[in-house]
Amino acid sequence: MHKEKALGKLTTRTLAMPADTNAAGDIFGGWVLSQMDIAAGICAGQRVQGRVVTVSVDGMSFIRPVRVGDILGLYTSVVQLGRTSMVINVEAWVRRDRIGLREKVTQGRFKFVAIDEHGVPMPLPSEDDLPDYVLENF
């Protein structure tokens, strides 16, 4: 039996709580999207070693629902580098009821731009300019 594996590095983990639900008791898609943006921002900021801003979300697809009590684990990977921007792939997986079945629930691609202290786009640092510990995570 083939088990699908998460692509990327585990970046964040959080618990889906009742406050994150709609009136029917389902976790809001917007909450999941927000958690994914946070994880993607962490990944992008680490690669840049500085400030980044989200400029777009592409290819978002919800596969399965997230339920109260699920642990949401977000896996990130840099999939494209531009001059000032980068694309981060995010996969969201849950551990049902904190201990049970592990399932992929959604995925998406987030585009970020590196900015300087004035909020102006700036070139991404080259790999030669990054410390070894940063490169080990990508």
N, C-alpha and C. Protein backbone atom coordinates (compact mmCIF):
# COMPACT_ATOMS: atom_id res chain seq x y z
N MET A 1 0.84 -1.19 0.00
CA MET A 1 0.00 0.00 0.00
C MET A 1 0.88 1.25 0.00
N HIS A 2 0.62 2.19 -0.91
CA HIS A 2 1.40 3.42 -1.03
C HIS A 2 0.77 4.52 -0.18
N LYS A 3 1.57 5.11 0.68
CA LYS A 3 1.09 6.21 1.51
C LYS A 3 1.69 7.50 0.98
N GLU A 4 0.84 8.49 0.75
CA GLU A 4 1.31 9.80 0.29
C GLU A 4 2.09 10.47 1.42
N LYS A 5 3.19 11.13 1.06
CA LYS A 5 4.00 11.84 2.03
C LYS A 5 3.91 13.34 1.77
N ALA A 6 4.04 14.09 2.82
CA ALA A 6 4.04 15.55 2.71
C ALA A 6 5.30 16.01 1.99
N LEU A 7 5.14 17.00 1.13
CA LEU A 7 6.28 17.60 0.44
C LEU A 7 6.69 18.85 1.19
N GLY A 8 7.97 18.97 1.47
CA GLY A 8 8.48 20.14 2.17
C GLY A 8 8.81 19.84 3.61
N LYS A 9 9.14 20.91 4.32
CA LYS A 9 9.51 20.82 5.73
C LYS A 9 8.35 21.25 6.60
N LEU A 10 8.16 20.56 7.73
CA LEU A 10 7.13 20.97 8.68
C LEU A 10 7.52 22.35 9.20
N THR A 11 6.63 23.33 8.99
CA THR A 11 6.93 24.71 9.35
C THR A 11 6.13 25.17 10.56
N THR A 12 4.85 24.82 10.61
CA THR A 12 4.03 25.15 11.78
C THR A 12 3.07 24.01 12.08
N ARG A 13 2.60 24.02 13.30
CA ARG A 13 1.60 23.05 13.73
C ARG A 13 0.67 23.78 14.70
N THR A 14 -0.64 23.57 14.54
CA THR A 14 -1.61 24.20 15.44
C THR A 14 -2.83 23.31 15.60
N LEU A 15 -3.59 23.58 16.62
CA LEU A 15 -4.77 22.80 16.94
C LEU A 15 -6.03 23.54 16.51
N ALA A 16 -6.90 22.88 15.74
CA ALA A 16 -8.16 23.47 15.31
C ALA A 16 -9.13 23.48 16.51
N MET A 17 -9.58 24.66 16.87
CA MET A 17 -10.39 24.85 18.07
C MET A 17 -11.82 25.26 17.71
N PRO A 18 -12.76 25.09 18.64
CA PRO A 18 -14.16 25.46 18.38
C PRO A 18 -14.34 26.92 17.95
N ALA A 19 -13.50 27.82 18.41
CA ALA A 19 -13.62 29.24 18.04
C ALA A 19 -13.34 29.47 16.56
N ASP A 20 -12.75 28.48 15.88
CA ASP A 20 -12.38 28.60 14.47
C ASP A 20 -13.44 28.04 13.53
N THR A 21 -14.66 27.79 14.05
CA THR A 21 -15.71 27.15 13.26
C THR A 21 -16.82 28.11 12.86
N ASN A 22 -17.61 27.65 11.89
CA ASN A 22 -18.83 28.35 11.52
C ASN A 22 -19.98 27.79 12.35
N ALA A 23 -21.20 28.24 12.09
CA ALA A 23 -22.35 27.81 12.89
C ALA A 23 -22.63 26.31 12.77
N ALA A 24 -22.20 25.69 11.69
CA ALA A 24 -22.41 24.25 11.50
C ALA A 24 -21.33 23.40 12.17
N GLY A 25 -20.32 24.07 12.74
CA GLY A 25 -19.27 23.34 13.42
C GLY A 25 -18.09 22.96 12.56
N ASP A 26 -18.04 23.46 11.32
CA ASP A 26 -16.92 23.18 10.42
C ASP A 26 -15.87 24.28 10.56
N ILE A 27 -14.60 23.90 10.46
CA ILE A 27 -13.52 24.89 10.51
C ILE A 27 -13.61 25.77 9.27
N PHE A 28 -13.55 27.09 9.46
CA PHE A 28 -13.59 28.04 8.36
C PHE A 28 -12.42 27.81 7.40
N GLY A 29 -12.70 27.82 6.10
CA GLY A 29 -11.63 27.75 5.11
C GLY A 29 -10.68 28.92 5.24
N GLY A 30 -11.20 30.09 5.61
CA GLY A 30 -10.36 31.27 5.79
C GLY A 30 -9.35 31.11 6.92
N TRP A 31 -9.72 30.38 7.96
CA TRP A 31 -8.79 30.11 9.05
C TRP A 31 -7.64 29.24 8.54
N VAL A 32 -7.99 28.22 7.76
CA VAL A 32 -6.96 27.34 7.20
C VAL A 32 -6.05 28.14 6.28
N LEU A 33 -6.64 28.97 5.43
CA LEU A 33 -5.87 29.81 4.51
C LEU A 33 -4.92 30.73 5.28
N SER A 34 -5.40 31.30 6.37
CA SER A 34 -4.57 32.17 7.20
C SER A 34 -3.38 31.41 7.78
N GLN A 35 -3.62 30.21 8.27
CA GLN A 35 -2.53 29.40 8.82
C GLN A 35 -1.50 29.06 7.74
N MET A 36 -1.99 28.80 6.53
CA MET A 36 -1.08 28.50 5.42
C MET A 36 -0.25 29.71 5.05
N ASP A 37 -0.85 30.91 5.07
CA ASP A 37 -0.13 32.14 4.75
C ASP A 37 0.95 32.40 5.81
N ILE A 38 0.64 32.14 7.06
CA ILE A 38 1.63 32.31 8.13
C ILE A 38 2.82 31.39 7.88
N ALA A 39 2.55 30.10 7.61
CA ALA A 39 3.63 29.15 7.38
C ALA A 39 4.45 29.53 6.15
N ALA A 40 3.79 29.92 5.08
CA ALA A 40 4.50 30.33 3.86
C ALA A 40 5.35 31.56 4.12
N GLY A 41 4.84 32.49 4.91
CA GLY A 41 5.59 33.70 5.27
C GLY A 41 6.83 33.38 6.09
N ILE A 42 6.72 32.41 6.99
CA ILE A 42 7.89 31.99 7.77
C ILE A 42 8.95 31.42 6.83
N CYS A 43 8.52 30.55 5.92
CA CYS A 43 9.45 29.94 4.96
C CYS A 43 10.12 31.01 4.09
N ALA A 44 9.33 31.91 3.54
CA ALA A 44 9.86 32.95 2.66
C ALA A 44 10.80 33.89 3.43
N GLY A 45 10.41 34.28 4.62
CA GLY A 45 11.24 35.17 5.43
C GLY A 45 12.57 34.54 5.80
N GLN A 46 12.56 33.24 6.06
CA GLN A 46 13.81 32.55 6.37
C GLN A 46 14.72 32.51 5.16
N ARG A 47 14.14 32.27 3.97
CA ARG A 47 14.95 32.22 2.75
C ARG A 47 15.56 33.58 2.44
N VAL A 48 14.78 34.65 2.67
CA VAL A 48 15.24 36.02 2.39
C VAL A 48 16.12 36.56 3.51
N GLN A 49 15.92 36.02 4.73
CA GLN A 49 16.57 36.56 5.92
C GLN A 49 16.16 38.01 6.13
N GLY A 50 14.87 38.27 5.88
CA GLY A 50 14.35 39.62 6.03
C GLY A 50 12.84 39.65 5.86
N ARG A 51 12.33 40.83 5.54
CA ARG A 51 10.89 41.05 5.41
C ARG A 51 10.37 40.56 4.07
N VAL A 52 9.17 40.01 4.10
CA VAL A 52 8.47 39.59 2.89
C VAL A 52 7.00 39.95 3.04
N VAL A 53 6.32 40.08 1.90
CA VAL A 53 4.87 40.30 1.90
C VAL A 53 4.23 39.34 0.92
N THR A 54 3.03 38.89 1.26
CA THR A 54 2.26 38.03 0.37
C THR A 54 1.70 38.89 -0.76
N VAL A 55 1.88 38.44 -2.01
CA VAL A 55 1.31 39.19 -3.13
C VAL A 55 0.22 38.41 -3.86
N SER A 56 0.22 37.08 -3.73
CA SER A 56 -0.86 36.32 -4.36
C SER A 56 -0.90 34.90 -3.80
N VAL A 57 -2.08 34.31 -3.95
CA VAL A 57 -2.29 32.91 -3.62
C VAL A 57 -2.82 32.27 -4.89
N ASP A 58 -2.21 31.16 -5.29
CA ASP A 58 -2.59 30.53 -6.55
C ASP A 58 -2.83 29.04 -6.33
N GLY A 59 -3.79 28.51 -7.02
CA GLY A 59 -3.98 27.07 -7.03
C GLY A 59 -4.46 26.48 -5.73
N MET A 60 -5.20 27.24 -4.96
CA MET A 60 -5.71 26.73 -3.68
C MET A 60 -6.80 25.70 -3.94
N SER A 61 -6.66 24.53 -3.32
CA SER A 61 -7.70 23.52 -3.48
C SER A 61 -7.91 22.80 -2.16
N PHE A 62 -9.16 22.83 -1.70
CA PHE A 62 -9.51 22.13 -0.46
C PHE A 62 -9.88 20.70 -0.81
N ILE A 63 -9.25 19.74 -0.15
CA ILE A 63 -9.43 18.33 -0.45
C ILE A 63 -10.36 17.66 0.56
N ARG A 64 -10.13 17.94 1.83
CA ARG A 64 -10.92 17.36 2.91
C ARG A 64 -11.14 18.43 3.99
N PRO A 65 -12.18 18.29 4.79
CA PRO A 65 -12.42 19.28 5.84
C PRO A 65 -11.45 19.14 7.01
N VAL A 66 -11.27 20.25 7.71
CA VAL A 66 -10.53 20.26 8.97
C VAL A 66 -11.59 20.30 10.06
N ARG A 67 -11.41 19.50 11.10
CA ARG A 67 -12.40 19.39 12.16
C ARG A 67 -11.83 19.87 13.49
N VAL A 68 -12.71 20.25 14.38
CA VAL A 68 -12.29 20.62 15.73
C VAL A 68 -11.52 19.44 16.34
N GLY A 69 -10.39 19.75 16.93
CA GLY A 69 -9.56 18.71 17.55
C GLY A 69 -8.46 18.19 16.65
N ASP A 70 -8.51 18.52 15.34
CA ASP A 70 -7.44 18.12 14.43
C ASP A 70 -6.20 18.96 14.69
N ILE A 71 -5.04 18.33 14.58
CA ILE A 71 -3.78 19.08 14.57
C ILE A 71 -3.46 19.37 13.12
N LEU A 72 -3.35 20.65 12.79
CA LEU A 72 -3.04 21.08 11.43
C LEU A 72 -1.54 21.29 11.31
N GLY A 73 -0.88 20.48 10.47
CA GLY A 73 0.55 20.62 10.21
C GLY A 73 0.75 21.18 8.83
N LEU A 74 1.58 22.22 8.72
CA LEU A 74 1.81 22.89 7.44
C LEU A 74 3.25 22.69 6.99
N TYR A 75 3.37 22.15 5.78
CA TYR A 75 4.66 21.83 5.18
C TYR A 75 4.93 22.81 4.04
N THR A 76 6.12 23.40 4.02
CA THR A 76 6.44 24.40 3.01
C THR A 76 7.69 24.04 2.24
N SER A 77 7.73 24.52 1.00
CA SER A 77 8.93 24.38 0.18
C SER A 77 8.97 25.52 -0.83
N VAL A 78 10.17 26.02 -1.07
CA VAL A 78 10.37 27.06 -2.09
C VAL A 78 10.39 26.35 -3.43
N VAL A 79 9.49 26.75 -4.33
CA VAL A 79 9.41 26.08 -5.63
C VAL A 79 9.85 26.96 -6.80
N GLN A 80 9.98 28.27 -6.54
CA GLN A 80 10.42 29.15 -7.62
C GLN A 80 11.02 30.41 -7.03
N LEU A 81 12.16 30.84 -7.59
CA LEU A 81 12.80 32.08 -7.19
C LEU A 81 12.86 33.02 -8.37
N GLY A 82 12.47 34.26 -8.15
CA GLY A 82 12.59 35.31 -9.16
C GLY A 82 13.63 36.32 -8.71
N ARG A 83 13.56 37.52 -9.26
CA ARG A 83 14.52 38.56 -8.86
C ARG A 83 14.19 39.11 -7.47
N THR A 84 12.90 39.45 -7.25
CA THR A 84 12.47 39.98 -5.95
C THR A 84 11.41 39.10 -5.31
N SER A 85 10.95 38.09 -6.04
CA SER A 85 9.83 37.28 -5.54
C SER A 85 10.18 35.80 -5.47
N MET A 86 9.33 35.07 -4.78
CA MET A 86 9.47 33.62 -4.70
C MET A 86 8.10 33.01 -4.53
N VAL A 87 7.98 31.75 -4.93
CA VAL A 87 6.74 31.00 -4.78
C VAL A 87 7.00 29.89 -3.77
N ILE A 88 6.09 29.81 -2.80
CA ILE A 88 6.18 28.80 -1.75
C ILE A 88 5.00 27.86 -1.90
N ASN A 89 5.27 26.56 -1.98
CA ASN A 89 4.22 25.56 -1.98
C ASN A 89 3.90 25.22 -0.52
N VAL A 90 2.62 25.14 -0.20
CA VAL A 90 2.20 24.79 1.15
C VAL A 90 1.23 23.61 1.08
N GLU A 91 1.53 22.59 1.84
CA GLU A 91 0.61 21.46 2.00
C GLU A 91 0.12 21.45 3.44
N ALA A 92 -1.19 21.30 3.60
CA ALA A 92 -1.78 21.24 4.93
C ALA A 92 -2.24 19.80 5.19
N TRP A 93 -1.78 19.25 6.28
CA TRP A 93 -2.13 17.89 6.70
C TRP A 93 -2.72 17.96 8.09
N VAL A 94 -3.62 17.05 8.40
CA VAL A 94 -4.16 16.98 9.75
C VAL A 94 -3.88 15.62 10.36
N ARG A 95 -3.79 15.66 11.66
CA ARG A 95 -3.78 14.44 12.47
C ARG A 95 -5.14 14.47 13.15
N ARG A 96 -6.01 13.55 12.75
CA ARG A 96 -7.39 13.54 13.26
C ARG A 96 -7.44 13.26 14.75
N ASP A 97 -8.26 14.02 15.45
CA ASP A 97 -8.46 13.86 16.89
C ASP A 97 -7.14 13.84 17.66
N ARG A 98 -6.18 14.58 17.17
CA ARG A 98 -4.85 14.75 17.77
C ARG A 98 -3.98 13.51 17.75
N ILE A 99 -4.54 12.33 17.52
CA ILE A 99 -3.73 11.12 17.56
C ILE A 99 -4.00 10.17 16.41
N GLY A 100 -5.09 10.40 15.67
CA GLY A 100 -5.54 9.42 14.70
C GLY A 100 -4.96 9.56 13.32
N LEU A 101 -5.77 9.24 12.35
CA LEU A 101 -5.42 9.21 10.94
C LEU A 101 -4.81 10.52 10.47
N ARG A 102 -3.77 10.42 9.66
CA ARG A 102 -3.11 11.59 9.07
C ARG A 102 -3.60 11.74 7.64
N GLU A 103 -4.13 12.94 7.30
CA GLU A 103 -4.68 13.19 5.96
C GLU A 103 -4.26 14.55 5.43
N LYS A 104 -4.03 14.60 4.12
CA LYS A 104 -3.79 15.87 3.45
C LYS A 104 -5.14 16.53 3.24
N VAL A 105 -5.26 17.80 3.65
CA VAL A 105 -6.55 18.48 3.56
C VAL A 105 -6.59 19.60 2.52
N THR A 106 -5.47 20.21 2.23
CA THR A 106 -5.44 21.27 1.23
C THR A 106 -4.00 21.57 0.83
N GLN A 107 -3.88 22.31 -0.24
CA GLN A 107 -2.57 22.76 -0.69
C GLN A 107 -2.74 24.05 -1.47
N GLY A 108 -1.66 24.80 -1.61
CA GLY A 108 -1.71 26.04 -2.36
C GLY A 108 -0.31 26.57 -2.60
N ARG A 109 -0.24 27.54 -3.48
CA ARG A 109 1.03 28.22 -3.78
C ARG A 109 0.88 29.69 -3.43
N PHE A 110 1.84 30.18 -2.69
CA PHE A 110 1.81 31.56 -2.21
C PHE A 110 3.02 32.30 -2.78
N LYS A 111 2.77 33.48 -3.35
CA LYS A 111 3.86 34.27 -3.91
C LYS A 111 4.18 35.40 -2.95
N PHE A 112 5.46 35.56 -2.67
CA PHE A 112 5.95 36.59 -1.77
C PHE A 112 6.97 37.47 -2.48
N VAL A 113 7.06 38.72 -2.03
CA VAL A 113 8.07 39.65 -2.51
C VAL A 113 8.90 40.08 -1.31
N ALA A 114 10.21 40.09 -1.50
CA ALA A 114 11.12 40.59 -0.47
C ALA A 114 11.07 42.11 -0.49
N ILE A 115 11.00 42.71 0.70
CA ILE A 115 10.96 44.17 0.78
C ILE A 115 12.01 44.68 1.76
N ASP A 116 12.44 45.92 1.53
CA ASP A 116 13.40 46.53 2.44
C ASP A 116 12.66 47.24 3.58
N GLU A 117 13.40 47.97 4.39
CA GLU A 117 12.80 48.63 5.56
C GLU A 117 11.80 49.73 5.20
N HIS A 118 11.79 50.15 3.93
CA HIS A 118 10.84 51.17 3.47
C HIS A 118 9.65 50.56 2.72
N GLY A 119 9.61 49.22 2.65
CA GLY A 119 8.52 48.55 1.96
C GLY A 119 8.70 48.47 0.46
N VAL A 120 9.91 48.72 -0.02
CA VAL A 120 10.21 48.70 -1.45
C VAL A 120 10.76 47.31 -1.81
N PRO A 121 10.27 46.73 -2.93
CA PRO A 121 10.81 45.42 -3.33
C PRO A 121 12.32 45.46 -3.49
N MET A 122 12.96 44.38 -3.06
CA MET A 122 14.42 44.30 -3.15
C MET A 122 14.81 42.94 -3.70
N PRO A 123 15.98 42.84 -4.31
CA PRO A 123 16.42 41.54 -4.86
C PRO A 123 16.59 40.50 -3.76
N LEU A 124 16.28 39.26 -4.11
CA LEU A 124 16.50 38.15 -3.18
C LEU A 124 18.00 37.95 -3.01
N PRO A 125 18.44 37.59 -1.82
CA PRO A 125 19.87 37.29 -1.66
C PRO A 125 20.23 36.02 -2.44
N SER A 126 21.43 36.00 -2.99
CA SER A 126 21.88 34.80 -3.70
C SER A 126 22.22 33.73 -2.67
N GLU A 127 22.27 32.50 -3.11
CA GLU A 127 22.61 31.40 -2.20
C GLU A 127 23.99 31.61 -1.59
N ASP A 128 24.90 32.25 -2.34
CA ASP A 128 26.25 32.51 -1.83
C ASP A 128 26.24 33.46 -0.65
N ASP A 129 25.20 34.31 -0.56
CA ASP A 129 25.12 35.30 0.51
C ASP A 129 24.37 34.79 1.75
N LEU A 130 23.87 33.56 1.69
CA LEU A 130 23.10 33.02 2.81
C LEU A 130 23.96 32.11 3.69
N PRO A 131 23.72 32.15 5.00
CA PRO A 131 24.44 31.22 5.88
C PRO A 131 24.09 29.77 5.58
N ASP A 132 24.99 28.87 5.87
CA ASP A 132 24.78 27.45 5.61
C ASP A 132 23.52 26.91 6.29
N TYR A 133 23.24 27.38 7.52
CA TYR A 133 22.07 26.85 8.23
C TYR A 133 20.77 27.22 7.52
N VAL A 134 20.75 28.32 6.77
CA VAL A 134 19.55 28.68 6.00
C VAL A 134 19.39 27.73 4.82
N LEU A 135 20.47 27.48 4.11
CA LEU A 135 20.42 26.62 2.92
C LEU A 135 20.07 25.18 3.29
N GLU A 136 20.43 24.74 4.48
CA GLU A 136 20.11 23.37 4.90
C GLU A 136 18.60 23.15 4.99
N ASN A 137 17.82 24.21 5.13
CA ASN A 137 16.37 24.10 5.26
C ASN A 137 15.64 24.19 3.93
N PHE A 138 16.37 24.32 2.83
CA PHE A 138 15.71 24.47 1.53
C PHE A 138 16.21 23.49 0.54
